[in-house]
Protein backbone atom coordinates (compact mmCIF):
# COMPACT_ATOMS: atom_id res chain seq x y z
CA UNK A 1 133.41 100.56 81.50
CA UNK A 2 135.93 100.28 84.34
CA UNK A 3 134.72 98.90 87.61
CA UNK A 4 135.65 100.76 90.82
CA UNK A 5 137.34 99.00 93.75
CA UNK A 6 138.55 100.62 96.94
CA UNK A 7 138.74 97.70 99.36
CA UNK A 8 141.62 95.26 99.83
CA UNK A 9 139.00 92.69 100.81
CA UNK A 10 137.70 92.55 97.26
CA UNK A 11 138.17 89.03 95.76
CA UNK A 12 139.88 90.36 92.62
CA UNK A 13 142.38 92.24 94.74
CA UNK A 14 143.04 89.18 96.87
CA UNK A 15 143.57 87.03 93.76
CA UNK A 16 146.09 89.54 92.43
CA UNK A 17 147.96 89.79 95.73
CA UNK A 18 148.20 85.97 95.78
CA UNK A 19 150.33 86.10 92.61
CA UNK A 20 153.24 87.17 94.80
CA UNK A 21 153.66 83.43 95.47
CA UNK A 22 155.37 81.22 92.90
CA UNK A 23 152.97 78.32 93.48
CA UNK A 24 149.98 80.52 92.72
CA UNK A 25 151.56 81.93 89.56
CA UNK A 26 152.38 78.42 88.36
CA UNK A 27 148.88 77.15 89.15
CA UNK A 28 147.12 79.95 87.31
CA UNK A 29 149.78 80.58 84.63
CA UNK A 30 149.51 84.28 85.38
CA UNK A 31 151.91 86.95 86.56
CA UNK A 32 151.98 90.67 87.30
CA UNK A 33 153.41 93.53 85.23
CA UNK A 34 153.64 97.05 86.63
CA UNK A 35 155.10 100.36 85.51
CA UNK A 36 154.65 102.48 82.39
CA UNK A 37 157.62 101.11 80.46
CA UNK A 38 156.85 97.49 81.30
CA UNK A 39 153.13 97.84 80.53
CA UNK A 40 153.87 99.60 77.25
CA UNK A 41 156.24 96.84 76.14
CA UNK A 42 153.82 94.10 77.14
CA UNK A 43 151.00 95.70 75.15
CA UNK A 44 153.29 96.36 72.18
CA UNK A 45 154.17 92.65 72.17
CA UNK A 46 150.49 91.83 71.75
CA UNK A 47 149.92 90.55 75.28
CA UNK A 48 146.28 90.93 76.35
CA UNK A 49 145.99 91.29 80.12
CA UNK A 50 143.30 89.40 81.96
CA UNK A 51 142.92 92.32 84.37
CA UNK A 52 144.27 95.87 84.28
CA UNK A 53 144.41 97.94 87.48
CA UNK A 54 144.60 101.69 86.91
CA UNK A 55 144.91 104.46 89.51
CA UNK A 56 143.91 107.69 87.68
CA UNK A 57 145.47 110.15 90.19
CA UNK A 58 148.88 108.51 89.70
CA UNK A 59 148.89 108.50 85.88
CA UNK A 60 151.33 110.63 83.90
CA UNK A 61 150.38 111.85 80.39
CA UNK A 62 152.03 108.71 78.96
CA UNK A 63 150.21 106.61 81.55
CA UNK A 64 146.88 108.11 80.51
CA UNK A 65 147.61 107.06 76.92
CA UNK A 66 148.23 103.51 78.09
CA UNK A 67 145.08 103.63 80.21
CA UNK A 68 143.14 104.59 77.08
CA UNK A 69 144.52 101.50 75.31
CA UNK A 70 143.44 99.37 78.25
CA UNK A 71 140.00 101.01 78.21
CA UNK A 72 139.64 100.05 74.55
CA UNK A 73 140.49 96.44 75.41
CA UNK A 74 137.94 96.59 78.20
CA UNK A 75 135.25 97.91 75.85
CA UNK A 76 136.07 95.09 73.45
CA UNK A 77 135.61 92.69 76.39
CA UNK A 78 139.15 91.42 76.09
CA UNK A 79 140.41 92.86 79.40
CA UNK A 80 138.75 93.68 82.69
CA UNK A 81 139.62 97.29 83.59
CA UNK A 82 139.62 98.16 87.30
CA UNK A 83 140.09 101.64 88.74
CA UNK A 84 141.51 101.73 92.27
CA UNK A 85 142.41 104.35 94.84
CA UNK A 86 146.03 105.37 95.52
CA UNK A 87 145.88 103.60 98.88
CA UNK A 88 144.75 100.33 97.31
CA UNK A 89 147.20 100.62 94.44
CA UNK A 90 150.02 100.93 96.99
CA UNK A 91 148.99 97.54 98.38
CA UNK A 92 148.89 95.96 94.93
CA UNK A 93 152.16 97.35 93.60
CA UNK A 94 155.50 95.64 94.19
CA UNK A 95 157.37 98.93 93.97
CA UNK A 96 156.67 102.57 94.67
CA UNK A 97 157.19 104.01 91.18
CA UNK A 98 154.70 101.97 89.16
CA UNK A 99 152.92 105.00 87.75
CA UNK A 100 149.44 103.80 88.56
CA UNK A 101 149.44 100.86 86.11
CA UNK A 102 149.44 97.16 86.96
CA UNK A 103 148.46 94.22 84.75
CA UNK A 104 147.64 90.59 85.42
CA UNK A 105 148.78 88.76 82.30
CA UNK A 106 148.87 85.15 81.08
CA UNK A 107 152.23 83.46 80.73
CA UNK A 108 153.64 84.09 77.24
CA UNK A 109 153.12 80.96 75.16
CA UNK A 110 156.55 80.47 73.58
CA UNK A 111 158.11 77.04 73.03
CA UNK A 112 161.20 75.77 71.25
CA UNK A 113 159.01 74.41 68.46
CA UNK A 114 157.44 77.83 67.94
CA UNK A 115 160.78 79.65 67.71
CA UNK A 116 161.78 80.91 64.30
CA UNK A 117 165.24 82.47 64.21
CA UNK A 118 166.99 84.09 61.22
CA UNK A 119 170.35 83.07 59.80
CA UNK A 120 172.91 83.31 61.25
CA UNK A 121 171.16 82.51 64.52
CA UNK A 122 172.24 84.33 67.67
CA UNK A 123 170.99 82.49 70.76
CA UNK A 124 171.70 82.90 74.47
CA UNK A 125 171.24 79.88 76.74
CA UNK A 126 171.23 80.34 80.51
CA UNK A 127 171.30 77.23 82.69
CA UNK A 128 170.39 77.24 86.37
CA UNK A 129 170.17 81.01 86.85
CA UNK A 130 169.38 81.57 90.51
CA UNK A 131 168.55 85.26 90.96
CA UNK A 132 165.61 87.09 89.32
CA UNK A 133 167.72 90.24 89.09
CA UNK A 134 170.43 88.41 87.14
CA UNK A 135 167.93 86.92 84.72
CA UNK A 136 166.24 90.29 84.21
CA UNK A 137 169.59 91.98 83.56
CA UNK A 138 170.52 89.26 81.03
CA UNK A 139 167.25 89.84 79.19
CA UNK A 140 168.01 93.58 78.99
CA UNK A 141 171.42 92.81 77.52
CA UNK A 142 169.98 90.25 75.11
CA UNK A 143 167.48 92.84 73.88
CA UNK A 144 170.21 95.47 73.46
CA UNK A 145 172.56 93.05 71.68
CA UNK A 146 169.92 91.87 69.22
CA UNK A 147 169.82 88.27 70.44
CA UNK A 148 167.20 86.28 68.51
CA UNK A 149 166.06 84.20 71.50
CA UNK A 150 166.95 83.42 75.10
CA UNK A 151 166.54 79.84 76.33
CA UNK A 152 166.37 79.30 80.08
CA UNK A 153 167.47 75.71 80.72
CA UNK A 154 167.04 74.09 84.12
CA UNK A 155 166.14 77.44 85.60
CA UNK A 156 166.45 77.73 89.37
CA UNK A 157 164.47 80.97 89.40
CA UNK A 158 160.95 81.56 88.16
CA UNK A 159 160.99 83.21 84.74
CA UNK A 160 157.63 84.81 85.56
CA UNK A 161 158.68 86.29 88.88
CA UNK A 162 157.55 89.95 88.88
CA UNK A 163 161.12 90.86 89.83
CA UNK A 164 162.34 89.36 86.54
CA UNK A 165 159.86 91.55 84.66
CA UNK A 166 161.00 94.58 86.65
CA UNK A 167 164.75 93.91 86.31
CA UNK A 168 164.34 93.31 82.58
CA UNK A 169 162.57 96.69 82.20
CA UNK A 170 159.93 94.84 80.20
CA UNK A 171 162.39 93.33 77.70
CA UNK A 172 161.00 89.95 78.76
CA UNK A 173 158.37 90.85 76.16
CA UNK A 174 160.72 92.09 73.42
CA UNK A 175 162.95 89.01 73.07
CA UNK A 176 161.51 85.50 72.65
CA UNK A 177 162.21 83.69 75.92
CA UNK A 178 161.71 79.94 76.27
CA UNK A 179 161.99 77.59 79.22
CA UNK A 180 163.23 74.15 78.15
CA UNK A 181 165.09 71.15 79.53
CA UNK A 182 168.82 71.00 78.84
CA UNK A 183 168.63 67.83 76.69
CA UNK A 184 165.76 69.28 74.66
CA UNK A 185 167.71 72.51 74.12
CA UNK A 186 170.84 70.68 72.96
CA UNK A 187 168.79 68.63 70.48
CA UNK A 188 167.10 71.77 69.16
CA UNK A 189 170.43 73.52 68.61
CA UNK A 190 172.03 70.53 66.92
CA UNK A 191 169.10 70.03 64.57
CA UNK A 192 169.60 73.60 63.35
CA UNK A 193 173.40 73.35 63.09
CA UNK A 194 173.84 76.09 65.66
CA UNK A 195 177.34 75.94 67.12
CA UNK A 196 177.38 75.65 70.92
CA UNK A 197 179.91 77.86 72.72
CA UNK A 198 180.02 77.06 76.43
CA UNK A 199 181.61 79.43 78.93
CA UNK A 200 183.65 77.67 81.61
CA UNK A 201 186.19 79.10 84.07
CA UNK A 202 188.54 76.14 83.48
CA UNK A 203 188.61 76.49 79.68
CA UNK A 204 191.91 77.45 78.02
CA UNK A 205 190.48 79.29 74.98
CA UNK A 206 189.81 83.01 75.49
CA UNK A 207 186.31 84.08 74.51
CA UNK A 208 187.73 86.72 72.14
CA UNK A 209 189.63 84.07 70.14
CA UNK A 210 186.50 82.46 68.65
CA UNK A 211 184.64 83.24 65.41
CA UNK A 212 181.02 84.08 66.26
CA UNK A 213 179.89 85.21 62.83
CA UNK A 214 178.06 81.96 62.03
CA UNK A 215 175.01 80.49 63.79
CA UNK A 216 175.93 80.42 67.47
CA UNK A 217 174.51 79.75 70.91
CA UNK A 218 176.30 81.31 73.87
CA UNK A 219 175.76 79.01 76.86
CA UNK A 220 176.25 80.30 80.40
CA UNK A 221 175.88 78.51 83.73
CA UNK A 222 174.91 79.60 87.22
CA UNK A 223 177.57 81.27 89.36
CA UNK A 224 177.52 78.58 92.04
CA UNK A 225 177.56 75.37 90.01
CA UNK A 226 178.47 76.42 86.48
CA UNK A 227 177.34 74.36 83.51
CA UNK A 228 176.28 70.74 83.85
CA UNK A 229 178.05 67.75 82.32
CA UNK A 230 175.63 67.61 79.39
CA UNK A 231 176.91 70.94 78.09
CA UNK A 232 180.52 69.87 78.58
CA UNK A 233 179.88 67.03 76.13
CA UNK A 234 177.63 68.92 73.75
CA UNK A 235 179.69 72.09 73.31
CA UNK A 236 181.62 72.63 70.13
CA UNK A 237 183.99 74.92 72.00
CA UNK A 238 184.68 75.90 75.61
CA UNK A 239 185.75 79.48 76.27
CA UNK A 240 186.80 81.48 79.30
CA UNK A 241 186.94 85.10 80.40
CA UNK A 242 190.47 85.96 81.58
CA UNK A 243 190.66 86.85 85.28
CA UNK A 244 193.68 88.76 86.62
CA UNK A 245 192.61 89.58 90.17
CA UNK A 246 191.72 87.63 93.29
CA UNK A 247 188.15 86.86 92.22
CA UNK A 248 187.77 83.69 90.18
CA UNK A 249 184.48 84.58 88.48
CA UNK A 250 182.27 87.47 87.42
CA UNK A 251 178.60 88.08 88.05
CA UNK A 252 176.54 85.95 85.64
CA UNK A 253 174.86 88.95 84.01
CA UNK A 254 178.24 90.66 83.53
CA UNK A 255 179.84 87.54 82.02
CA UNK A 256 176.91 87.06 79.68
CA UNK A 257 177.10 90.69 78.55
CA UNK A 258 180.80 90.32 77.68
CA UNK A 259 180.21 87.29 75.47
CA UNK A 260 177.08 88.62 73.79
CA UNK A 261 178.80 91.87 72.90
CA UNK A 262 181.79 90.03 71.50
CA UNK A 263 179.31 88.48 69.06
CA UNK A 264 177.98 91.98 68.30
CA UNK A 265 181.49 93.32 67.79
CA UNK A 266 182.44 90.61 65.32
CA UNK A 267 179.18 90.77 63.40
CA UNK A 268 179.45 94.54 63.16
CA UNK A 269 182.66 94.16 61.22
């Protein structure tokens, strides 16, 4: 049965509010998921929340269905279900349209060794991504394009930042996402004979002039620094996106979308 909390001084509420800080998320290996769509995708991926906060007056019909799923997990003693007032939920939520649902979940336990990708593999590698919104948008594109896995190498932003979850619209839970060191990622790709295609602004080969129908990893670097020297040596090919205006680069999420959908275009015949 759900417990009732109405005070922001409650220890469980304080613990949840503390997850706004990266250091606390990293220490506890927990993060926050809010919103109907995001909660639905997390549950569909088999993620069992440690705590589920529900505000009944804010629930839509779809939200009530999700609340019933969370109640079943609570009854099975797999999740702690907490009902809160609208005023308290407003303090807990990161945004104003969360629909009365907020989860505290463990970090997904996905590693390179646990990844199993079909043939021909379609991998996206993002090195040094700096903005949670960019990473979330890339995950949405990866989900839409049918990417088999996203590897975040040398990430400058926290993969488990609630803003990544929000910007991804919950697709963080629909595509396998792994954090790994650059050297480890290169070794993993080479062991599986996955061709490495690195995007670089100084490359001479247009990204549309490459065959992507075999096993391939599209490797993108941060807007500020680009890809590191390790990728320059490891890449089978370097490609560029033609630029005809004054700007010398595109937003990272936009550039990634162009390359991923070129793979889709070619594989769709």
